[in-house]
Amino acid sequence: MAEQTHVLFVEDDDVIREATQLALERDGFAVTAMPDGLSGLAAFRARRPDIALLDVMVPGLDGVSLCRRIRDESTVPVIMVSARADSIDVVLGLEAGADDYVTKPFDGAVLVARIRAVLRRFGHASGTDRGSENASAQDCGVLTFGELEIDTEGMEVRRSGQTVALTPTEMRLLLEFSSAPGTVLSRDKLLERVWDYGWGGDTRVVDVHVQRLRTKIGQDRIETVRGFGYKLKA
């Protein structure tokens, strides 16, 4: 029997926490559910889950701060849960290192689909799924763009000889850009290819991750083409 995927779910609302835990367990996930940020951090360190699902507004240590603490220790995928799609908390969570977000109230099937999509792309970024749309980039070995080197076999990035630590989502985004340097990629196309969104999504996810990537590989390396999207400078 395949090992169950372990989800850490941090949510202070008892009804939502218990209902979501039951729904995820029915879909075959193992779930550790915690009511606050501090117990969530302790559970993360003790259990080392495969993915973390964090509500933004939890007591003790809020979800955004918890995301930062997790990101300091791990590249495990993180999905933020927010009560409002237009909340600044969404952007703050993404800037803290979250890979995606869902808004309340959420449909159980949509949540499961989002979790599976994140896990699929993390499997790819860690090198366990080489047969995807980025195969052409991976077959090239080491790609060089000025002071930036991308080892597509070892899944490592160096800038001026120094290793750059990227999350799997940031690596996947960079691989997408590097597979077509100089080509403008729209936000919708990046959502489809990097985030596995076949149904559209919030382009803020793309914008925040591009900004995070720029801070690591150089602000001028990825160019904004207003009205169209982004491109990697060749």
C-alpha atoms as a PDB file:
ATOM      1  CA  MET A   1       0.000   0.000   0.000  1.00  0.00           C
ATOM      2  CA  ALA A   2       1.297   3.458  -0.928  1.00  0.00           C
ATOM      3  CA  GLU A   3       2.199   5.714   1.956  1.00  0.00           C
ATOM      4  CA  GLN A   4      -0.449   8.341   2.710  1.00  0.00           C
ATOM      5  CA  THR A   5       0.262  11.984   1.975  1.00  0.00           C
ATOM      6  CA  HIS A   6       0.429  13.830   5.297  1.00  0.00           C
ATOM      7  CA  VAL A   7      -1.328  17.198   5.542  1.00  0.00           C
ATOM      8  CA  LEU A   8      -0.809  19.635   8.417  1.00  0.00           C
ATOM      9  CA  PHE A   9      -3.968  21.745   8.769  1.00  0.00           C
ATOM     10  CA  VAL A  10      -3.927  24.758  11.110  1.00  0.00           C
ATOM     11  CA  GLU A  11      -7.375  26.265  11.687  1.00  0.00           C
ATOM     12  CA  ASP A  12      -8.913  27.767  14.840  1.00  0.00           C
ATOM     13  CA  ASP A  13     -12.568  27.257  13.876  1.00  0.00           C
ATOM     14  CA  ASP A  14     -13.526  23.883  15.346  1.00  0.00           C
ATOM     15  CA  VAL A  15     -16.271  23.155  12.813  1.00  0.00           C
ATOM     16  CA  ILE A  16     -14.152  23.994   9.770  1.00  0.00           C
ATOM     17  CA  ARG A  17     -11.129  22.160  11.173  1.00  0.00           C
ATOM     18  CA  GLU A  18     -13.018  18.955  11.937  1.00  0.00           C
ATOM     19  CA  ALA A  19     -15.089  18.962   8.731  1.00  0.00           C
ATOM     20  CA  THR A  20     -12.039  19.610   6.554  1.00  0.00           C
ATOM     21  CA  GLN A  21     -10.030  16.944   8.329  1.00  0.00           C
ATOM     22  CA  LEU A  22     -12.783  14.385   7.722  1.00  0.00           C
ATOM     23  CA  ALA A  23     -13.090  15.404   4.060  1.00  0.00           C
ATOM     24  CA  LEU A  24      -9.342  15.098   3.474  1.00  0.00           C
ATOM     25  CA  GLU A  25      -9.169  11.764   5.265  1.00  0.00           C
ATOM     26  CA  ARG A  26     -12.005  10.438   3.091  1.00  0.00           C
ATOM     27  CA  ASP A  27      -9.848  11.320   0.091  1.00  0.00           C
ATOM     28  CA  GLY A  28      -6.979   9.256   1.465  1.00  0.00           C
ATOM     29  CA  PHE A  29      -4.860  11.913   3.189  1.00  0.00           C
ATOM     30  CA  ALA A  30      -3.400  11.568   6.663  1.00  0.00           C
ATOM     31  CA  VAL A  31      -4.200  14.777   8.536  1.00  0.00           C
ATOM     32  CA  THR A  32      -2.752  16.469  11.610  1.00  0.00           C
ATOM     33  CA  ALA A  33      -5.133  19.288  12.591  1.00  0.00           C
ATOM     34  CA  MET A  34      -4.108  22.008  15.023  1.00  0.00           C
ATOM     35  CA  PRO A  35      -6.102  24.973  16.429  1.00  0.00           C
ATOM     36  CA  ASP A  36      -3.347  27.613  16.640  1.00  0.00           C
ATOM     37  CA  GLY A  37      -0.039  28.642  15.150  1.00  0.00           C
ATOM     38  CA  LEU A  38       2.241  27.587  17.983  1.00  0.00           C
ATOM     39  CA  SER A  39       0.839  24.053  18.159  1.00  0.00           C
ATOM     40  CA  GLY A  40       0.948  24.002  14.363  1.00  0.00           C
ATOM     41  CA  LEU A  41       4.659  24.849  14.380  1.00  0.00           C
ATOM     42  CA  ALA A  42       5.340  22.169  16.982  1.00  0.00           C
ATOM     43  CA  ALA A  43       3.400  19.624  14.918  1.00  0.00           C
ATOM     44  CA  PHE A  44       5.292  20.615  11.783  1.00  0.00           C
ATOM     45  CA  ARG A  45       8.631  20.066  13.477  1.00  0.00           C
ATOM     46  CA  ALA A  46       7.541  16.778  15.029  1.00  0.00           C
ATOM     47  CA  ARG A  47       5.689  15.257  12.082  1.00  0.00           C
ATOM     48  CA  ARG A  48       7.347  16.821   8.993  1.00  0.00           C
ATOM     49  CA  PRO A  49       4.188  16.765   6.837  1.00  0.00           C
ATOM     50  CA  ASP A  50       4.167  16.612   3.042  1.00  0.00           C
ATOM     51  CA  ILE A  51       2.133  19.811   2.787  1.00  0.00           C
ATOM     52  CA  ALA A  52       0.879  22.527   5.161  1.00  0.00           C
ATOM     53  CA  LEU A  53      -2.552  24.155   4.944  1.00  0.00           C
ATOM     54  CA  LEU A  54      -2.545  27.306   7.092  1.00  0.00           C
ATOM     55  CA  ASP A  55      -5.406  29.614   7.956  1.00  0.00           C
ATOM     56  CA  VAL A  56      -4.270  33.242   7.988  1.00  0.00           C
ATOM     57  CA  MET A  57      -6.097  34.261  11.159  1.00  0.00           C
ATOM     58  CA  VAL A  58      -5.145  31.795  13.877  1.00  0.00           C
ATOM     59  CA  PRO A  59      -4.206  32.690  17.479  1.00  0.00           C
ATOM     60  CA  GLY A  60      -0.794  32.498  19.085  1.00  0.00           C
ATOM     61  CA  LEU A  61       1.192  32.694  15.878  1.00  0.00           C
ATOM     62  CA  ASP A  62      -0.750  33.887  12.851  1.00  0.00           C
ATOM     63  CA  GLY A  63      -0.693  31.936   9.621  1.00  0.00           C
ATOM     64  CA  VAL A  64       1.595  34.341   7.759  1.00  0.00           C
ATOM     65  CA  SER A  65       4.179  34.268  10.566  1.00  0.00           C
ATOM     66  CA  LEU A  66       3.861  30.493  10.761  1.00  0.00           C
ATOM     67  CA  CYS A  67       4.485  30.275   7.028  1.00  0.00           C
ATOM     68  CA  ARG A  68       7.673  32.318   7.439  1.00  0.00           C
ATOM     69  CA  ARG A  69       8.867  30.035  10.248  1.00  0.00           C
ATOM     70  CA  ILE A  70       8.184  26.945   8.147  1.00  0.00           C
ATOM     71  CA  ARG A  71       9.887  28.471   5.129  1.00  0.00           C
ATOM     72  CA  ASP A  72      12.975  29.212   7.236  1.00  0.00           C
ATOM     73  CA  GLU A  73      13.272  25.477   7.907  1.00  0.00           C
ATOM     74  CA  SER A  74      11.822  23.746   4.885  1.00  0.00           C
ATOM     75  CA  THR A  75      10.682  23.972   1.266  1.00  0.00           C
ATOM     76  CA  VAL A  76       7.576  21.893   2.031  1.00  0.00           C
ATOM     77  CA  PRO A  77       4.595  23.211   0.024  1.00  0.00           C
ATOM     78  CA  VAL A  78       2.350  25.671   1.853  1.00  0.00           C
ATOM     79  CA  ILE A  79      -1.206  26.683   0.967  1.00  0.00           C
ATOM     80  CA  MET A  80      -2.718  29.645   2.798  1.00  0.00           C
ATOM     81  CA  VAL A  81      -6.413  29.803   3.683  1.00  0.00           C
ATOM     82  CA  SER A  82      -8.030  33.254   3.724  1.00  0.00           C
ATOM     83  CA  ALA A  83     -11.585  34.369   4.431  1.00  0.00           C
ATOM     84  CA  ARG A  84     -11.464  37.003   1.676  1.00  0.00           C
ATOM     85  CA  ALA A  85     -10.082  36.700  -1.853  1.00  0.00           C
ATOM     86  CA  ASP A  86      -9.290  40.446  -1.917  1.00  0.00           C
ATOM     87  CA  SER A  87      -7.556  40.448   1.461  1.00  0.00           C
ATOM     88  CA  ILE A  88      -4.053  41.841   1.802  1.00  0.00           C
ATOM     89  CA  ASP A  89      -3.435  38.669   3.797  1.00  0.00           C
ATOM     90  CA  VAL A  90      -3.354  36.727   0.519  1.00  0.00           C
ATOM     91  CA  VAL A  91      -0.427  38.780  -0.757  1.00  0.00           C
ATOM     92  CA  LEU A  92       1.297  38.726   2.625  1.00  0.00           C
ATOM     93  CA  GLY A  93       1.025  34.937   2.714  1.00  0.00           C
ATOM     94  CA  LEU A  94       2.492  34.589  -0.760  1.00  0.00           C
ATOM     95  CA  GLU A  95       5.282  37.022   0.091  1.00  0.00           C
ATOM     96  CA  ALA A  96       6.014  34.950   3.196  1.00  0.00           C
ATOM     97  CA  GLY A  97       6.709  31.960   0.970  1.00  0.00           C
ATOM     98  CA  ALA A  98       3.337  30.293   0.469  1.00  0.00           C
ATOM     99  CA  ASP A  99       2.909  28.523  -2.856  1.00  0.00           C
ATOM    100  CA  ASP A 100      -0.835  28.990  -3.285  1.00  0.00           C
ATOM    101  CA  TYR A 101      -3.980  29.976  -1.431  1.00  0.00           C
ATOM    102  CA  VAL A 102      -7.660  29.080  -1.176  1.00  0.00           C
ATOM    103  CA  THR A 103     -10.510  31.216   0.123  1.00  0.00           C
ATOM    104  CA  LYS A 104     -13.310  30.387   2.529  1.00  0.00           C
ATOM    105  CA  PRO A 105     -15.822  28.979   2.140  1.00  0.00           C
ATOM    106  CA  PHE A 106     -14.132  26.339   0.005  1.00  0.00           C
ATOM    107  CA  ASP A 107     -15.550  23.269  -1.664  1.00  0.00           C
ATOM    108  CA  GLY A 108     -13.911  20.061  -0.475  1.00  0.00           C
ATOM    109  CA  ALA A 109     -13.352  18.790  -4.014  1.00  0.00           C
ATOM    110  CA  VAL A 110     -11.720  22.070  -5.042  1.00  0.00           C
ATOM    111  CA  LEU A 111      -9.448  21.991  -1.996  1.00  0.00           C
ATOM    112  CA  VAL A 112      -8.371  18.423  -2.744  1.00  0.00           C
ATOM    113  CA  ALA A 113      -7.722  19.331  -6.381  1.00  0.00           C
ATOM    114  CA  ARG A 114      -5.615  22.317  -5.320  1.00  0.00           C
ATOM    115  CA  ILE A 115      -3.609  20.196  -2.869  1.00  0.00           C
ATOM    116  CA  ARG A 116      -2.964  17.527  -5.499  1.00  0.00           C
ATOM    117  CA  ALA A 117      -1.925  20.173  -8.041  1.00  0.00           C
ATOM    118  CA  VAL A 118       0.622  21.640  -5.613  1.00  0.00           C
ATOM    119  CA  LEU A 119       1.964  18.183  -4.773  1.00  0.00           C
ATOM    120  CA  ARG A 120       2.299  17.299  -8.466  1.00  0.00           C
ATOM    121  CA  ARG A 121       4.424  20.299  -9.229  1.00  0.00           C
ATOM    122  CA  PHE A 122       6.542  19.775  -6.125  1.00  0.00           C
ATOM    123  CA  GLY A 123       7.236  16.234  -7.266  1.00  0.00           C
ATOM    124  CA  HIS A 124       8.364  17.663 -10.581  1.00  0.00           C
ATOM    125  CA  ALA A 125      10.567  20.342  -9.027  1.00  0.00           C
ATOM    126  CA  SER A 126      12.329  17.852  -6.783  1.00  0.00           C
ATOM    127  CA  GLY A 127      13.310  15.828  -9.815  1.00  0.00           C
ATOM    128  CA  THR A 128      10.833  12.965  -9.444  1.00  0.00           C
ATOM    129  CA  ASP A 129       8.820  13.859 -12.529  1.00  0.00           C
ATOM    130  CA  ARG A 130      11.062  14.547 -15.488  1.00  0.00           C
ATOM    131  CA  GLY A 131       8.559  13.768 -18.216  1.00  0.00           C
ATOM    132  CA  SER A 132       6.654  17.028 -18.243  1.00  0.00           C
ATOM    133  CA  GLU A 133       6.454  20.159 -20.324  1.00  0.00           C
ATOM    134  CA  ASN A 134       9.816  21.382 -19.019  1.00  0.00           C
ATOM    135  CA  ALA A 135      11.713  18.368 -20.377  1.00  0.00           C
ATOM    136  CA  SER A 136      13.370  20.468 -23.070  1.00  0.00           C
ATOM    137  CA  ALA A 137      14.901  22.739 -20.431  1.00  0.00           C
ATOM    138  CA  GLN A 138      16.037  19.839 -18.271  1.00  0.00           C
ATOM    139  CA  ASP A 139      17.751  18.098 -21.190  1.00  0.00           C
ATOM    140  CA  CYS A 140      20.088  21.062 -21.647  1.00  0.00           C
ATOM    141  CA  GLY A 141      22.216  20.520 -18.536  1.00  0.00           C
ATOM    142  CA  VAL A 142      23.532  23.886 -17.329  1.00  0.00           C
ATOM    143  CA  LEU A 143      21.933  27.023 -18.767  1.00  0.00           C
ATOM    144  CA  THR A 144      23.751  30.351 -18.444  1.00  0.00           C
ATOM    145  CA  PHE A 145      22.212  33.811 -18.513  1.00  0.00           C
ATOM    146  CA  GLY A 146      24.880  36.356 -17.608  1.00  0.00           C
ATOM    147  CA  GLU A 147      25.912  35.715 -13.991  1.00  0.00           C
ATOM    148  CA  LEU A 148      23.004  33.266 -13.575  1.00  0.00           C
ATOM    149  CA  GLU A 149      23.556  29.506 -13.977  1.00  0.00           C
ATOM    150  CA  ILE A 150      20.709  26.984 -13.917  1.00  0.00           C
ATOM    151  CA  ASP A 151      21.688  23.339 -13.482  1.00  0.00           C
ATOM    152  CA  THR A 152      18.557  21.641 -14.799  1.00  0.00           C
ATOM    153  CA  GLU A 153      19.857  18.168 -13.980  1.00  0.00           C
ATOM    154  CA  GLY A 154      20.981  18.872 -10.416  1.00  0.00           C
ATOM    155  CA  MET A 155      18.098  21.348  -9.918  1.00  0.00           C
ATOM    156  CA  GLU A 156      20.463  24.003  -8.592  1.00  0.00           C
ATOM    157  CA  VAL A 157      20.790  27.705  -9.325  1.00  0.00           C
ATOM    158  CA  ARG A 158      23.928  29.804  -8.912  1.00  0.00           C
ATOM    159  CA  ARG A 159      24.350  33.552  -9.174  1.00  0.00           C
ATOM    160  CA  SER A 160      27.903  34.819  -9.552  1.00  0.00           C
ATOM    161  CA  GLY A 161      29.048  31.396  -8.366  1.00  0.00           C
ATOM    162  CA  GLN A 162      26.935  31.474  -5.197  1.00  0.00           C
ATOM    163  CA  THR A 163      24.142  28.958  -4.709  1.00  0.00           C
ATOM    164  CA  VAL A 164      20.668  30.485  -4.707  1.00  0.00           C
ATOM    165  CA  ALA A 165      18.052  28.775  -2.532  1.00  0.00           C
ATOM    166  CA  LEU A 166      14.742  28.518  -4.382  1.00  0.00           C
ATOM    167  CA  THR A 167      11.508  26.907  -3.328  1.00  0.00           C
ATOM    168  CA  PRO A 168      10.218  24.217  -5.717  1.00  0.00           C
ATOM    169  CA  THR A 169       7.605  26.631  -7.065  1.00  0.00           C
ATOM    170  CA  GLU A 170      10.253  29.286  -7.708  1.00  0.00           C
ATOM    171  CA  MET A 171      12.441  26.681  -9.414  1.00  0.00           C
ATOM    172  CA  ARG A 172       9.585  25.529 -11.607  1.00  0.00           C
ATOM    173  CA  LEU A 173       8.820  29.136 -12.535  1.00  0.00           C
ATOM    174  CA  LEU A 174      12.466  29.765 -13.422  1.00  0.00           C
ATOM    175  CA  LEU A 175      12.595  26.582 -15.502  1.00  0.00           C
ATOM    176  CA  GLU A 176       9.545  27.760 -17.420  1.00  0.00           C
ATOM    177  CA  PHE A 177      11.216  31.076 -18.193  1.00  0.00           C
ATOM    178  CA  SER A 178      14.555  29.457 -19.059  1.00  0.00           C
ATOM    179  CA  SER A 179      12.929  27.016 -21.491  1.00  0.00           C
ATOM    180  CA  ALA A 180      12.018  29.985 -23.705  1.00  0.00           C
ATOM    181  CA  PRO A 181      14.372  32.921 -22.947  1.00  0.00           C
ATOM    182  CA  GLY A 182      13.279  36.160 -24.549  1.00  0.00           C
ATOM    183  CA  THR A 183       9.733  34.865 -25.050  1.00  0.00           C
ATOM    184  CA  VAL A 184       6.932  36.701 -23.280  1.00  0.00           C
ATOM    185  CA  LEU A 185       4.875  34.388 -21.093  1.00  0.00           C
ATOM    186  CA  SER A 186       1.475  35.625 -19.992  1.00  0.00           C
ATOM    187  CA  ARG A 187       0.294  35.307 -16.429  1.00  0.00           C
ATOM    188  CA  ASP A 188      -2.461  32.923 -17.515  1.00  0.00           C
ATOM    189  CA  LYS A 189       0.036  30.708 -19.297  1.00  0.00           C
ATOM    190  CA  LEU A 190       2.282  30.650 -16.233  1.00  0.00           C
ATOM    191  CA  LEU A 191      -0.703  29.779 -14.024  1.00  0.00           C
ATOM    192  CA  GLU A 192      -1.464  26.867 -16.326  1.00  0.00           C
ATOM    193  CA  ARG A 193       2.101  25.593 -16.676  1.00  0.00           C
ATOM    194  CA  VAL A 194       3.564  26.279 -13.232  1.00  0.00           C
ATOM    195  CA  TRP A 195       0.539  26.166 -10.941  1.00  0.00           C
ATOM    196  CA  ASP A 196      -1.326  23.506 -12.926  1.00  0.00           C
ATOM    197  CA  TYR A 197      -4.438  25.684 -13.109  1.00  0.00           C
ATOM    198  CA  GLY A 198      -6.619  24.330 -15.873  1.00  0.00           C
ATOM    199  CA  TRP A 199      -9.480  26.554 -14.746  1.00  0.00           C
ATOM    200  CA  GLY A 200      -7.800  29.944 -14.384  1.00  0.00           C
ATOM    201  CA  GLY A 201      -6.711  31.575 -11.163  1.00  0.00           C
ATOM    202  CA  ASP A 202      -5.591  34.709  -9.380  1.00  0.00           C
ATOM    203  CA  THR A 203      -2.688  36.299 -11.242  1.00  0.00           C
ATOM    204  CA  ARG A 204      -1.420  37.815  -7.983  1.00  0.00           C
ATOM    205  CA  VAL A 205       0.077  34.373  -7.339  1.00  0.00           C
ATOM    206  CA  VAL A 206       2.272  34.836 -10.422  1.00  0.00           C
ATOM    207  CA  ASP A 207       3.178  38.463  -9.689  1.00  0.00           C
ATOM    208  CA  VAL A 208       4.285  37.788  -6.115  1.00  0.00           C
ATOM    209  CA  HIS A 209       6.358  34.750  -7.083  1.00  0.00           C
ATOM    210  CA  VAL A 210       8.036  36.678  -9.906  1.00  0.00           C
ATOM    211  CA  GLN A 211       8.966  39.394  -7.396  1.00  0.00           C
ATOM    212  CA  ARG A 212      10.350  36.797  -4.978  1.00  0.00           C
ATOM    213  CA  LEU A 213      12.320  35.209  -7.786  1.00  0.00           C
ATOM    214  CA  ARG A 214      13.730  38.573  -8.855  1.00  0.00           C
ATOM    215  CA  THR A 215      15.099  39.253  -5.383  1.00  0.00           C
ATOM    216  CA  LYS A 216      17.067  36.014  -5.608  1.00  0.00           C
ATOM    217  CA  ILE A 217      18.322  35.953  -9.209  1.00  0.00           C
ATOM    218  CA  GLY A 218      18.526  39.699  -9.916  1.00  0.00           C
ATOM    219  CA  GLN A 219      15.851  42.346 -10.329  1.00  0.00           C
ATOM    220  CA  ASP A 220      16.696  42.942 -13.997  1.00  0.00           C
ATOM    221  CA  ARG A 221      16.832  39.290 -15.059  1.00  0.00           C
ATOM    222  CA  ILE A 222      13.061  38.969 -15.524  1.00  0.00           C
ATOM    223  CA  GLU A 223      11.501  41.768 -17.532  1.00  0.00           C
ATOM    224  CA  THR A 224       7.892  42.921 -17.251  1.00  0.00           C
ATOM    225  CA  VAL A 225       6.199  43.448 -20.615  1.00  0.00           C
ATOM    226  CA  ARG A 226       3.238  45.628 -19.706  1.00  0.00           C
ATOM    227  CA  GLY A 227      -0.088  44.245 -20.797  1.00  0.00           C
ATOM    228  CA  PHE A 228       1.387  40.891 -21.810  1.00  0.00           C
ATOM    229  CA  GLY A 229       3.402  39.215 -19.063  1.00  0.00           C
ATOM    230  CA  TYR A 230       7.041  38.469 -18.267  1.00  0.00           C
ATOM    231  CA  LYS A 231      10.146  37.255 -20.054  1.00  0.00           C
ATOM    232  CA  LEU A 232      13.617  36.085 -19.050  1.00  0.00           C
ATOM    233  CA  LYS A 233      16.351  38.229 -20.568  1.00  0.00           C
ATOM    234  CA  ALA A 234      18.512  36.024 -22.780  1.00  0.00           C
END
